[in-house]
Structure formats: C-alpha cells, structure tokens
Amino acid sequence: MFERFTDRARAVVRRAREEACAEGQRPVGTEHLLLAILADEDSLAVRVLGDAGVTADDLRARIRHHTETGGSGLGEADAAALREIGIDLAAIVARIEESFGPDALREAVPAPRRRWGRRRPTGGPFSARAKKVLELSLREALRLRHRHIGTEHILLGLLREGNGLAALALTESGVDLNDVRHRVEAALRTTA
C-alpha cells in the first residue's frame, strides 16, 4: 500500500511517528496523523481545513487537553450532560487514577510476546484506528479512481473513520466532518 503514497503522504506518516515519539506515546494514533497533515502547509488538505476554520494550534491544544486528561474520549458537552444527571466525570477519572495509577485510562499498549527467546513487537507502530485510517485512505483513493494516495486521501480516511481523537478534536473545533469531506472532494474535482 505504501508504494502508492506520494512523497508528501509518506512525509505525513513519518511526521506522525515523530509526533507520537515526541509525546512518548506509542502507538501512532489518529491525532498524530491529523497533526502531521497540518504540518504540510501547502497541501490541499490543509487548505480545505483552513477554509473550514481549522487551525493547527487550536487542534493541537484540543488534542493535548484530551491526552493530558487521560483521553476519556468524552468532550466538554458530554461531561456537561453527565453533570446534568449528577455524574461528575472529573471525580470518576480522579478515583480511577487514584486506584489504578495516573495513566489508567490511556489506551494500553500490549507488551511484546516472547517467542523462541526473541522479542517481537505485536502491535506495530500504529494504533488500530490509525491503521484503519491508512486503509481507508487507500479505499478513498480507489473510490475516486486515483492511482496515488495523497495527504487529501489520508484526511478523507480520518473523516471516514470518524471515531478517533482526530475526529473528536475536529468536531469540538466546530467542524462538520461531512462538510469537510465534501469540500475535499470538491477541491479534488477542481484540481483534476
């Protein structure tokens, strides 16, 4: 699959791995792919996101907020709805971290299995959601009858996956994922 990636798309994947390493996190998540896409300021994907009102600094802050608070996957609106029915999400997170440690709610990375005395990583460098995004980027390219996978296809894969931290950060910043999807497809039609 990676042989179809353009140089820019390959750079996005490399940058995503660097983002994950810089945070000390492993594996690469959807949020790292999104931040890596935003780093290539001349790409079609960044232009479309910019037209939709998305800024890299805002998304980075939103992602940092979620990763620093344990990544519960719930937004402020969700926490407010839970407060309305008498559930204090912050108190629950605090009790879980008190009982199980500070990163108890962070997605666990499986330990490598030992086989025949050698250590072999089982999960690879990408989370299940990030792998799905990369697979969906290939499907998006095929659907559009493109012979390559560019940064715009990775963005379409992120939008189509729709459940990772990247999609959550985009939604919290006021972006309609379907609207951005249509904008990307329209931009691709005008450049073709």
N, C-alpha and C. Protein backbone atom coordinates (compact mmCIF):
# COMPACT_ATOMS: atom_id res chain seq x y z
N MET A 1 0.83 -1.19 0.00
CA MET A 1 0.00 0.00 0.00
C MET A 1 0.87 1.26 0.00
N PHE A 2 1.97 1.26 0.78
CA PHE A 2 2.77 2.48 0.90
C PHE A 2 3.45 2.87 -0.41
N GLU A 3 3.55 1.93 -1.34
CA GLU A 3 4.15 2.29 -2.62
C GLU A 3 3.27 3.26 -3.40
N ARG A 4 1.99 3.34 -3.08
CA ARG A 4 1.07 4.27 -3.74
C ARG A 4 1.11 5.67 -3.11
N PHE A 5 1.71 5.79 -1.95
CA PHE A 5 1.75 7.07 -1.25
C PHE A 5 2.65 8.05 -1.99
N THR A 6 2.18 9.28 -2.09
CA THR A 6 3.02 10.34 -2.65
C THR A 6 4.11 10.67 -1.64
N ASP A 7 5.10 11.43 -2.08
CA ASP A 7 6.17 11.83 -1.16
C ASP A 7 5.61 12.60 0.03
N ARG A 8 4.63 13.46 -0.24
CA ARG A 8 4.01 14.24 0.86
C ARG A 8 3.27 13.32 1.83
N ALA A 9 2.56 12.33 1.31
CA ALA A 9 1.83 11.41 2.18
C ALA A 9 2.80 10.58 3.02
N ARG A 10 3.91 10.17 2.43
CA ARG A 10 4.93 9.45 3.20
C ARG A 10 5.52 10.35 4.28
N ALA A 11 5.72 11.61 3.94
CA ALA A 11 6.23 12.55 4.94
C ALA A 11 5.24 12.71 6.09
N VAL A 12 3.94 12.68 5.78
CA VAL A 12 2.91 12.76 6.83
C VAL A 12 3.01 11.57 7.77
N VAL A 13 3.19 10.39 7.22
CA VAL A 13 3.29 9.18 8.05
C VAL A 13 4.56 9.26 8.92
N ARG A 14 5.66 9.70 8.33
CA ARG A 14 6.90 9.86 9.13
C ARG A 14 6.70 10.89 10.23
N ARG A 15 6.08 12.02 9.89
CA ARG A 15 5.84 13.07 10.88
C ARG A 15 4.91 12.58 11.99
N ALA A 16 3.93 11.77 11.63
CA ALA A 16 3.01 11.22 12.64
C ALA A 16 3.78 10.35 13.63
N ARG A 17 4.70 9.57 13.13
CA ARG A 17 5.52 8.74 14.03
C ARG A 17 6.38 9.63 14.93
N GLU A 18 6.92 10.72 14.36
CA GLU A 18 7.71 11.65 15.16
C GLU A 18 6.86 12.33 16.23
N GLU A 19 5.61 12.68 15.87
CA GLU A 19 4.69 13.29 16.84
C GLU A 19 4.45 12.34 18.01
N ALA A 20 4.22 11.08 17.70
CA ALA A 20 3.96 10.08 18.75
C ALA A 20 5.19 9.89 19.62
N CYS A 21 6.37 9.84 19.01
CA CYS A 21 7.61 9.69 19.78
C CYS A 21 7.87 10.90 20.65
N ALA A 22 7.58 12.09 20.14
CA ALA A 22 7.80 13.32 20.90
C ALA A 22 6.95 13.35 22.17
N GLU A 23 5.78 12.77 22.10
CA GLU A 23 4.90 12.71 23.27
C GLU A 23 5.23 11.53 24.16
N GLY A 24 6.13 10.67 23.69
CA GLY A 24 6.45 9.48 24.47
C GLY A 24 5.37 8.43 24.36
N GLN A 25 4.46 8.62 23.42
CA GLN A 25 3.36 7.67 23.26
C GLN A 25 3.69 6.68 22.16
N ARG A 26 3.18 5.54 22.32
CA ARG A 26 3.22 4.56 21.27
C ARG A 26 1.94 3.79 21.37
N PRO A 27 1.22 3.53 20.43
CA PRO A 27 1.46 3.67 19.00
C PRO A 27 0.98 5.01 18.44
N VAL A 28 1.18 5.20 17.14
CA VAL A 28 0.72 6.39 16.43
C VAL A 28 -0.80 6.34 16.38
N GLY A 29 -1.45 7.43 16.79
CA GLY A 29 -2.90 7.49 16.78
C GLY A 29 -3.42 8.40 15.68
N THR A 30 -4.73 8.48 15.56
CA THR A 30 -5.33 9.34 14.53
C THR A 30 -4.96 10.79 14.75
N GLU A 31 -4.80 11.18 16.02
CA GLU A 31 -4.43 12.57 16.32
C GLU A 31 -3.05 12.92 15.76
N HIS A 32 -2.14 11.96 15.79
CA HIS A 32 -0.79 12.19 15.25
C HIS A 32 -0.85 12.34 13.73
N LEU A 33 -1.70 11.55 13.08
CA LEU A 33 -1.86 11.68 11.63
C LEU A 33 -2.42 13.06 11.28
N LEU A 34 -3.41 13.52 12.04
CA LEU A 34 -4.00 14.83 11.77
C LEU A 34 -2.98 15.95 11.98
N LEU A 35 -2.24 15.90 13.06
CA LEU A 35 -1.23 16.93 13.32
C LEU A 35 -0.15 16.92 12.23
N ALA A 36 0.20 15.74 11.75
CA ALA A 36 1.20 15.63 10.69
C ALA A 36 0.67 16.20 9.37
N ILE A 37 -0.61 15.99 9.09
CA ILE A 37 -1.22 16.57 7.89
C ILE A 37 -1.15 18.10 7.98
N LEU A 38 -1.47 18.64 9.15
CA LEU A 38 -1.49 20.09 9.33
C LEU A 38 -0.10 20.72 9.24
N ALA A 39 0.94 19.92 9.41
CA ALA A 39 2.30 20.45 9.32
C ALA A 39 2.71 20.77 7.89
N ASP A 40 2.05 20.16 6.90
CA ASP A 40 2.36 20.42 5.49
C ASP A 40 1.45 21.53 5.00
N GLU A 41 1.87 22.76 5.20
CA GLU A 41 1.01 23.92 4.98
C GLU A 41 0.60 24.15 3.53
N ASP A 42 1.30 23.55 2.57
CA ASP A 42 0.99 23.78 1.16
C ASP A 42 0.05 22.73 0.57
N SER A 43 -0.40 21.78 1.37
CA SER A 43 -1.21 20.69 0.82
C SER A 43 -2.67 21.10 0.66
N LEU A 44 -3.34 20.38 -0.22
CA LEU A 44 -4.77 20.60 -0.46
C LEU A 44 -5.56 20.35 0.83
N ALA A 45 -5.17 19.34 1.58
CA ALA A 45 -5.87 19.01 2.83
C ALA A 45 -5.83 20.17 3.81
N VAL A 46 -4.67 20.82 3.94
CA VAL A 46 -4.53 21.95 4.86
C VAL A 46 -5.34 23.14 4.38
N ARG A 47 -5.34 23.37 3.07
CA ARG A 47 -6.13 24.49 2.54
C ARG A 47 -7.62 24.28 2.83
N VAL A 48 -8.11 23.07 2.64
CA VAL A 48 -9.53 22.78 2.89
C VAL A 48 -9.84 22.94 4.38
N LEU A 49 -8.97 22.41 5.24
CA LEU A 49 -9.20 22.55 6.68
C LEU A 49 -9.15 24.02 7.10
N GLY A 50 -8.24 24.78 6.52
CA GLY A 50 -8.16 26.22 6.81
C GLY A 50 -9.41 26.95 6.39
N ASP A 51 -9.95 26.60 5.22
CA ASP A 51 -11.19 27.20 4.74
C ASP A 51 -12.37 26.85 5.66
N ALA A 52 -12.27 25.71 6.32
CA ALA A 52 -13.32 25.30 7.26
C ALA A 52 -13.13 25.93 8.64
N GLY A 53 -12.08 26.73 8.81
CA GLY A 53 -11.86 27.42 10.07
C GLY A 53 -10.97 26.68 11.06
N VAL A 54 -10.27 25.65 10.60
CA VAL A 54 -9.42 24.86 11.48
C VAL A 54 -8.02 25.44 11.50
N THR A 55 -7.46 25.57 12.69
CA THR A 55 -6.06 25.98 12.81
C THR A 55 -5.29 24.87 13.52
N ALA A 56 -4.04 24.74 13.14
CA ALA A 56 -3.20 23.70 13.74
C ALA A 56 -3.03 23.93 15.23
N ASP A 57 -2.87 25.18 15.65
CA ASP A 57 -2.66 25.48 17.07
C ASP A 57 -3.88 25.08 17.91
N ASP A 58 -5.07 25.37 17.38
CA ASP A 58 -6.30 25.03 18.10
C ASP A 58 -6.44 23.51 18.24
N LEU A 59 -6.21 22.80 17.14
CA LEU A 59 -6.33 21.34 17.20
C LEU A 59 -5.27 20.73 18.12
N ARG A 60 -4.06 21.24 18.06
CA ARG A 60 -3.00 20.74 18.94
C ARG A 60 -3.39 20.94 20.41
N ALA A 61 -3.96 22.09 20.74
CA ALA A 61 -4.39 22.36 22.12
C ALA A 61 -5.52 21.42 22.53
N ARG A 62 -6.47 21.19 21.64
CA ARG A 62 -7.57 20.27 21.96
C ARG A 62 -7.06 18.85 22.18
N ILE A 63 -6.16 18.42 21.31
CA ILE A 63 -5.61 17.06 21.43
C ILE A 63 -4.81 16.95 22.72
N ARG A 64 -4.00 17.96 23.02
CA ARG A 64 -3.21 17.95 24.25
C ARG A 64 -4.13 17.87 25.47
N HIS A 65 -5.23 18.62 25.43
CA HIS A 65 -6.19 18.58 26.55
C HIS A 65 -6.70 17.16 26.77
N HIS A 66 -7.05 16.48 25.70
CA HIS A 66 -7.58 15.11 25.84
C HIS A 66 -6.51 14.13 26.29
N THR A 67 -5.31 14.26 25.78
CA THR A 67 -4.27 13.31 26.18
C THR A 67 -3.78 13.57 27.60
N GLU A 68 -3.81 14.82 28.04
CA GLU A 68 -3.38 15.12 29.41
C GLU A 68 -4.43 14.76 30.44
N THR A 69 -5.69 14.73 30.05
CA THR A 69 -6.76 14.40 30.99
C THR A 69 -7.11 12.93 30.96
N GLY A 70 -6.24 12.13 30.38
CA GLY A 70 -6.47 10.69 30.41
C GLY A 70 -7.16 10.17 29.18
N GLY A 71 -7.51 11.03 28.25
CA GLY A 71 -8.09 10.57 27.00
C GLY A 71 -9.36 9.76 27.18
N SER A 72 -10.29 10.27 27.97
CA SER A 72 -11.52 9.53 28.21
C SER A 72 -12.38 9.42 26.97
N GLY A 73 -12.10 10.25 25.95
CA GLY A 73 -12.87 10.21 24.73
C GLY A 73 -14.16 11.01 24.80
N LEU A 74 -14.40 11.64 25.92
CA LEU A 74 -15.61 12.43 26.09
C LEU A 74 -15.26 13.91 25.98
N GLY A 75 -16.09 14.64 25.28
CA GLY A 75 -15.88 16.07 25.14
C GLY A 75 -16.53 16.84 26.27
N GLU A 76 -16.37 18.16 26.24
CA GLU A 76 -16.94 19.01 27.27
C GLU A 76 -18.46 18.92 27.29
N ALA A 77 -19.07 18.79 26.11
CA ALA A 77 -20.53 18.66 26.04
C ALA A 77 -20.98 17.36 26.71
N ASP A 78 -20.20 16.30 26.52
CA ASP A 78 -20.53 15.02 27.16
C ASP A 78 -20.41 15.13 28.68
N ALA A 79 -19.33 15.79 29.14
CA ALA A 79 -19.15 15.97 30.58
C ALA A 79 -20.28 16.80 31.17
N ALA A 80 -20.71 17.84 30.43
CA ALA A 80 -21.82 18.68 30.91
C ALA A 80 -23.11 17.88 30.98
N ALA A 81 -23.35 17.03 30.00
CA ALA A 81 -24.57 16.20 30.02
C ALA A 81 -24.54 15.24 31.20
N LEU A 82 -23.38 14.67 31.49
CA LEU A 82 -23.26 13.78 32.65
C LEU A 82 -23.47 14.55 33.96
N ARG A 83 -22.95 15.80 34.03
CA ARG A 83 -23.17 16.62 35.23
C ARG A 83 -24.66 16.88 35.45
N GLU A 84 -25.38 17.05 34.36
CA GLU A 84 -26.83 17.31 34.46
C GLU A 84 -27.57 16.17 35.16
N ILE A 85 -27.07 14.95 35.00
CA ILE A 85 -27.75 13.82 35.64
C ILE A 85 -27.03 13.38 36.92
N GLY A 86 -26.12 14.25 37.40
CA GLY A 86 -25.50 14.01 38.70
C GLY A 86 -24.21 13.21 38.67
N ILE A 87 -23.59 13.07 37.51
CA ILE A 87 -22.34 12.32 37.41
C ILE A 87 -21.20 13.30 37.17
N ASP A 88 -20.22 13.31 38.08
CA ASP A 88 -19.06 14.17 37.96
C ASP A 88 -17.93 13.38 37.31
N LEU A 89 -17.71 13.61 36.02
CA LEU A 89 -16.71 12.86 35.26
C LEU A 89 -15.32 13.06 35.83
N ALA A 90 -14.98 14.28 36.22
CA ALA A 90 -13.65 14.56 36.77
C ALA A 90 -13.41 13.75 38.04
N ALA A 91 -14.44 13.62 38.88
CA ALA A 91 -14.30 12.84 40.12
C ALA A 91 -14.10 11.36 39.81
N ILE A 92 -14.79 10.87 38.80
CA ILE A 92 -14.64 9.45 38.42
C ILE A 92 -13.23 9.20 37.89
N VAL A 93 -12.75 10.08 37.03
CA VAL A 93 -11.40 9.93 36.49
C VAL A 93 -10.38 9.99 37.62
N ALA A 94 -10.57 10.92 38.56
CA ALA A 94 -9.64 11.05 39.69
C ALA A 94 -9.61 9.77 40.53
N ARG A 95 -10.77 9.18 40.78
CA ARG A 95 -10.82 7.95 41.59
C ARG A 95 -10.18 6.78 40.87
N ILE A 96 -10.40 6.70 39.56
CA ILE A 96 -9.78 5.61 38.79
C ILE A 96 -8.27 5.76 38.82
N GLU A 97 -7.77 6.98 38.61
CA GLU A 97 -6.33 7.21 38.61
C GLU A 97 -5.74 7.02 40.00
N GLU A 98 -6.51 7.32 41.03
CA GLU A 98 -6.06 7.10 42.41
C GLU A 98 -5.91 5.60 42.68
N SER A 99 -6.85 4.82 42.16
CA SER A 99 -6.82 3.38 42.40
C SER A 99 -5.85 2.64 41.49
N PHE A 100 -5.77 3.05 40.22
CA PHE A 100 -5.02 2.27 39.25
C PHE A 100 -3.80 2.96 38.66
N GLY A 101 -3.55 4.19 39.04
CA GLY A 101 -2.38 4.90 38.53
C GLY A 101 -2.76 6.04 37.61
N PRO A 102 -1.82 6.96 37.37
CA PRO A 102 -2.13 8.18 36.63
C PRO A 102 -2.51 7.98 35.17
N ASP A 103 -2.06 6.92 34.53
CA ASP A 103 -2.39 6.71 33.12
C ASP A 103 -3.35 5.55 32.92
N ALA A 104 -4.17 5.27 33.90
CA ALA A 104 -5.05 4.11 33.85
C ALA A 104 -6.05 4.17 32.71
N LEU A 105 -6.47 5.35 32.30
CA LEU A 105 -7.46 5.46 31.23
C LEU A 105 -6.85 5.58 29.85
N ARG A 106 -5.55 5.69 29.78
CA ARG A 106 -4.87 5.76 28.50
C ARG A 106 -4.92 4.39 27.84
N GLU A 107 -5.04 4.37 26.51
CA GLU A 107 -5.12 3.11 25.78
C GLU A 107 -3.86 2.29 26.04
N ALA A 108 -4.05 1.06 26.44
CA ALA A 108 -2.92 0.20 26.77
C ALA A 108 -2.22 -0.28 25.50
N VAL A 109 -0.91 -0.37 25.59
CA VAL A 109 -0.11 -0.92 24.50
C VAL A 109 0.28 -2.32 24.92
N PRO A 110 -0.10 -3.33 24.15
CA PRO A 110 0.22 -4.69 24.56
C PRO A 110 1.73 -4.91 24.62
N ALA A 111 2.15 -5.65 25.61
CA ALA A 111 3.57 -5.97 25.75
C ALA A 111 3.96 -6.95 24.66
N PRO A 112 5.19 -6.85 24.17
CA PRO A 112 5.62 -7.80 23.15
C PRO A 112 5.65 -9.22 23.69
N ARG A 113 5.28 -10.15 22.85
CA ARG A 113 5.29 -11.55 23.26
C ARG A 113 6.68 -12.13 23.04
N ARG A 114 7.03 -13.07 23.90
CA ARG A 114 8.31 -13.77 23.72
C ARG A 114 8.04 -15.07 22.99
N ARG A 115 8.84 -15.26 21.95
CA ARG A 115 8.70 -16.50 21.19
C ARG A 115 10.09 -16.95 20.78
N TRP A 116 10.44 -18.12 21.19
CA TRP A 116 11.74 -18.68 20.87
C TRP A 116 12.88 -17.77 21.31
N GLY A 117 12.66 -17.09 22.43
CA GLY A 117 13.72 -16.29 23.00
C GLY A 117 13.90 -14.91 22.38
N ARG A 118 13.13 -14.59 21.34
CA ARG A 118 13.26 -13.28 20.70
C ARG A 118 12.05 -12.42 21.04
N ARG A 119 12.28 -11.13 21.10
CA ARG A 119 11.17 -10.20 21.34
C ARG A 119 10.68 -9.71 20.01
N ARG A 120 9.37 -9.80 19.80
CA ARG A 120 8.78 -9.33 18.56
C ARG A 120 7.62 -8.41 18.90
N PRO A 121 7.63 -7.20 18.38
CA PRO A 121 6.50 -6.31 18.66
C PRO A 121 5.23 -6.84 18.01
N THR A 122 4.12 -6.77 18.74
CA THR A 122 2.87 -7.32 18.24
C THR A 122 1.99 -6.29 17.57
N GLY A 123 1.99 -5.07 18.06
CA GLY A 123 1.05 -4.09 17.55
C GLY A 123 1.57 -3.22 16.42
N GLY A 124 2.86 -3.16 16.26
CA GLY A 124 3.42 -2.27 15.25
C GLY A 124 3.35 -0.84 15.71
N PRO A 125 3.79 0.08 14.85
CA PRO A 125 3.86 1.47 15.28
C PRO A 125 2.53 2.21 15.26
N PHE A 126 1.45 1.61 14.73
CA PHE A 126 0.18 2.31 14.58
C PHE A 126 -0.91 1.67 15.45
N SER A 127 -1.77 2.53 16.00
CA SER A 127 -2.93 2.03 16.73
C SER A 127 -3.90 1.40 15.73
N ALA A 128 -4.86 0.68 16.23
CA ALA A 128 -5.85 0.05 15.36
C ALA A 128 -6.62 1.10 14.55
N ARG A 129 -6.96 2.21 15.18
CA ARG A 129 -7.68 3.27 14.47
C ARG A 129 -6.81 3.91 13.39
N ALA A 130 -5.53 4.15 13.68
CA ALA A 130 -4.64 4.74 12.69
C ALA A 130 -4.44 3.79 11.51
N LYS A 131 -4.33 2.50 11.79
CA LYS A 131 -4.24 1.51 10.70
C LYS A 131 -5.49 1.57 9.84
N LYS A 132 -6.63 1.69 10.50
CA LYS A 132 -7.90 1.77 9.77
C LYS A 132 -7.92 3.02 8.89
N VAL A 133 -7.42 4.15 9.41
CA VAL A 133 -7.37 5.39 8.63
C VAL A 133 -6.51 5.20 7.38
N LEU A 134 -5.36 4.56 7.54
CA LEU A 134 -4.48 4.34 6.38
C LEU A 134 -5.13 3.41 5.36
N GLU A 135 -5.83 2.40 5.85
CA GLU A 135 -6.58 1.51 4.95
C GLU A 135 -7.69 2.27 4.23
N LEU A 136 -8.39 3.11 4.97
CA LEU A 136 -9.47 3.90 4.38
C LEU A 136 -8.94 4.93 3.38
N SER A 137 -7.71 5.41 3.59
CA SER A 137 -7.13 6.35 2.62
C SER A 137 -6.92 5.65 1.29
N LEU A 138 -6.52 4.39 1.32
CA LEU A 138 -6.40 3.61 0.09
C LEU A 138 -7.78 3.43 -0.55
N ARG A 139 -8.76 3.09 0.25
CA ARG A 139 -10.12 2.91 -0.29
C ARG A 139 -10.68 4.20 -0.89
N GLU A 140 -10.37 5.33 -0.24
CA GLU A 140 -10.82 6.62 -0.78
C GLU A 140 -10.15 6.90 -2.12
N ALA A 141 -8.86 6.62 -2.23
CA ALA A 141 -8.16 6.82 -3.50
C ALA A 141 -8.76 5.93 -4.59
N LEU A 142 -9.04 4.68 -4.26
CA LEU A 142 -9.64 3.77 -5.24
C LEU A 142 -11.03 4.24 -5.64
N ARG A 143 -11.81 4.69 -4.65
CA ARG A 143 -13.17 5.17 -4.93
C ARG A 143 -13.14 6.36 -5.88
N LEU A 144 -12.14 7.22 -5.71
CA LEU A 144 -12.02 8.41 -6.55
C LEU A 144 -11.26 8.13 -7.85
N ARG A 145 -10.87 6.86 -8.03
CA ARG A 145 -10.13 6.41 -9.22
C ARG A 145 -8.77 7.11 -9.35
N HIS A 146 -8.12 7.32 -8.21
CA HIS A 146 -6.79 7.91 -8.20
C HIS A 146 -5.77 6.78 -8.07
N ARG A 147 -4.65 6.92 -8.74
CA ARG A 147 -3.60 5.90 -8.70
C ARG A 147 -2.61 6.15 -7.57
N HIS A 148 -2.78 7.21 -6.85
CA HIS A 148 -1.88 7.57 -5.77
C HIS A 148 -2.68 7.82 -4.49
N ILE A 149 -1.97 7.85 -3.38
CA ILE A 149 -2.57 8.22 -2.10
C ILE A 149 -1.84 9.47 -1.62
N GLY A 150 -2.57 10.57 -1.52
CA GLY A 150 -2.01 11.83 -1.08
C GLY A 150 -2.50 12.21 0.30
N THR A 151 -2.06 13.37 0.76
CA THR A 151 -2.49 13.83 2.08
C THR A 151 -4.00 14.02 2.14
N GLU A 152 -4.60 14.40 1.01
CA GLU A 152 -6.06 14.57 0.99
C GLU A 152 -6.77 13.23 1.19
N HIS A 153 -6.18 12.14 0.72
CA HIS A 153 -6.79 10.83 0.93
C HIS A 153 -6.67 10.39 2.39
N ILE A 154 -5.53 10.74 3.01
CA ILE A 154 -5.38 10.43 4.43
C ILE A 154 -6.42 11.22 5.24
N LEU A 155 -6.62 12.49 4.88
CA LEU A 155 -7.66 13.29 5.56
C LEU A 155 -9.03 12.67 5.35
N LEU A 156 -9.33 12.23 4.12
CA LEU A 156 -10.61 11.58 3.87
C LEU A 156 -10.74 10.30 4.71
N GLY A 157 -9.65 9.58 4.88
CA GLY A 157 -9.67 8.39 5.73
C GLY A 157 -9.95 8.73 7.18
N LEU A 158 -9.34 9.83 7.66
CA LEU A 158 -9.60 10.29 9.03
C LEU A 158 -11.07 10.65 9.22
N LEU A 159 -11.62 11.34 8.23
CA LEU A 159 -13.02 11.77 8.31
C LEU A 159 -13.96 10.57 8.24
N ARG A 160 -13.62 9.62 7.40
CA ARG A 160 -14.47 8.44 7.24
C ARG A 160 -14.43 7.55 8.48
N GLU A 161 -13.24 7.43 9.09
CA GLU A 161 -13.12 6.63 10.32
C GLU A 161 -13.99 7.26 11.41
N GLY A 162 -13.87 8.56 11.60
CA GLY A 162 -14.79 9.36 12.38
C GLY A 162 -14.91 9.11 13.87
N ASN A 163 -14.12 8.22 14.46
CA ASN A 163 -14.27 7.93 15.88
C ASN A 163 -13.02 8.16 16.70
N GLY A 164 -11.92 8.47 16.09
CA GLY A 164 -10.67 8.65 16.81
C GLY A 164 -10.58 10.03 17.44
N LEU A 165 -9.45 10.27 18.09
CA LEU A 165 -9.22 11.55 18.75
C LEU A 165 -9.14 12.68 17.72
N ALA A 166 -8.66 12.38 16.52
CA ALA A 166 -8.61 13.41 15.47
C ALA A 166 -10.02 13.89 15.12
N ALA A 167 -10.94 12.96 14.93
CA ALA A 167 -12.32 13.34 14.60
C ALA A 167 -12.96 14.09 15.76
N LEU A 168 -12.66 13.67 16.99
CA LEU A 168 -13.21 14.35 18.16
C LEU A 168 -12.71 15.79 18.23
N ALA A 169 -11.41 15.99 18.01
CA ALA A 169 -10.84 17.35 18.05
C ALA A 169 -11.42 18.22 16.94
N LEU A 170 -11.59 17.65 15.74
CA LEU A 170 -12.19 18.41 14.64
C LEU A 170 -13.62 18.81 14.97
N THR A 171 -14.38 17.87 15.50
CA THR A 171 -15.78 18.14 15.85
C THR A 171 -15.88 19.19 16.94
N GLU A 172 -15.01 19.09 17.96
CA GLU A 172 -15.02 20.08 19.04
C GLU A 172 -14.64 21.47 18.55
N SER A 173 -13.87 21.54 17.48
CA SER A 173 -13.48 22.86 16.96
C SER A 173 -14.57 23.44 16.06
N GLY A 174 -15.71 22.77 15.99
CA GLY A 174 -16.85 23.30 15.25
C GLY A 174 -16.93 22.84 13.81
N VAL A 175 -16.18 21.83 13.45
CA VAL A 175 -16.16 21.34 12.08
C VAL A 175 -17.18 20.23 11.90
N ASP A 176 -17.93 20.31 10.81
CA ASP A 176 -18.82 19.23 10.42
C ASP A 176 -18.00 18.30 9.52
N LEU A 177 -17.80 17.06 9.96
CA LEU A 177 -16.94 16.13 9.23
C LEU A 177 -17.44 15.88 7.81
N ASN A 178 -18.74 15.78 7.62
CA ASN A 178 -19.28 15.57 6.28
C ASN A 178 -19.06 16.78 5.39
N ASP A 179 -19.15 17.97 5.96
CA ASP A 179 -18.91 19.18 5.19
C ASP A 179 -17.45 19.22 4.71
N VAL A 180 -16.51 18.90 5.59
CA VAL A 180 -15.10 18.89 5.20
C VAL A 180 -14.87 17.84 4.13
N ARG A 181 -15.51 16.70 4.28
CA ARG A 181 -15.39 15.63 3.28
C ARG A 181 -15.83 16.14 1.91
N HIS A 182 -16.98 16.82 1.85
CA HIS A 182 -17.48 17.35 0.58
C HIS A 182 -16.55 18.43 0.04
N ARG A 183 -15.97 19.24 0.93
CA ARG A 183 -15.03 20.27 0.49
C ARG A 183 -13.78 19.66 -0.13
N VAL A 184 -13.28 18.59 0.49
CA VAL A 184 -12.09 17.92 -0.07
C VAL A 184 -12.40 17.35 -1.45
N GLU A 185 -13.54 16.69 -1.57
CA GLU A 185 -13.91 16.09 -2.84
C GLU A 185 -14.11 17.17 -3.92
N ALA A 186 -14.71 18.30 -3.54
CA ALA A 186 -14.90 19.41 -4.49
C ALA A 186 -13.54 19.98 -4.92
N ALA A 187 -12.63 20.14 -3.96
CA ALA A 187 -11.31 20.66 -4.29
C ALA A 187 -10.56 19.70 -5.21
N LEU A 188 -10.72 18.40 -4.99
CA LEU A 188 -10.08 17.42 -5.87
C LEU A 188 -10.65 17.49 -7.29
N ARG A 189 -11.95 17.72 -7.39
CA ARG A 189 -12.56 17.83 -8.73
C ARG A 189 -12.06 19.07 -9.48
N THR A 190 -11.87 20.16 -8.75
CA THR A 190 -11.44 21.39 -9.42
C THR A 190 -9.97 21.34 -9.82
N THR A 191 -9.15 20.58 -9.09
CA THR A 191 -7.73 20.46 -9.44
C THR A 191 -7.48 19.43 -10.52
N ALA A 192 -8.45 18.55 -10.76
CA ALA A 192 -8.26 17.48 -11.77
C ALA A 192 -8.45 18.00 -13.17
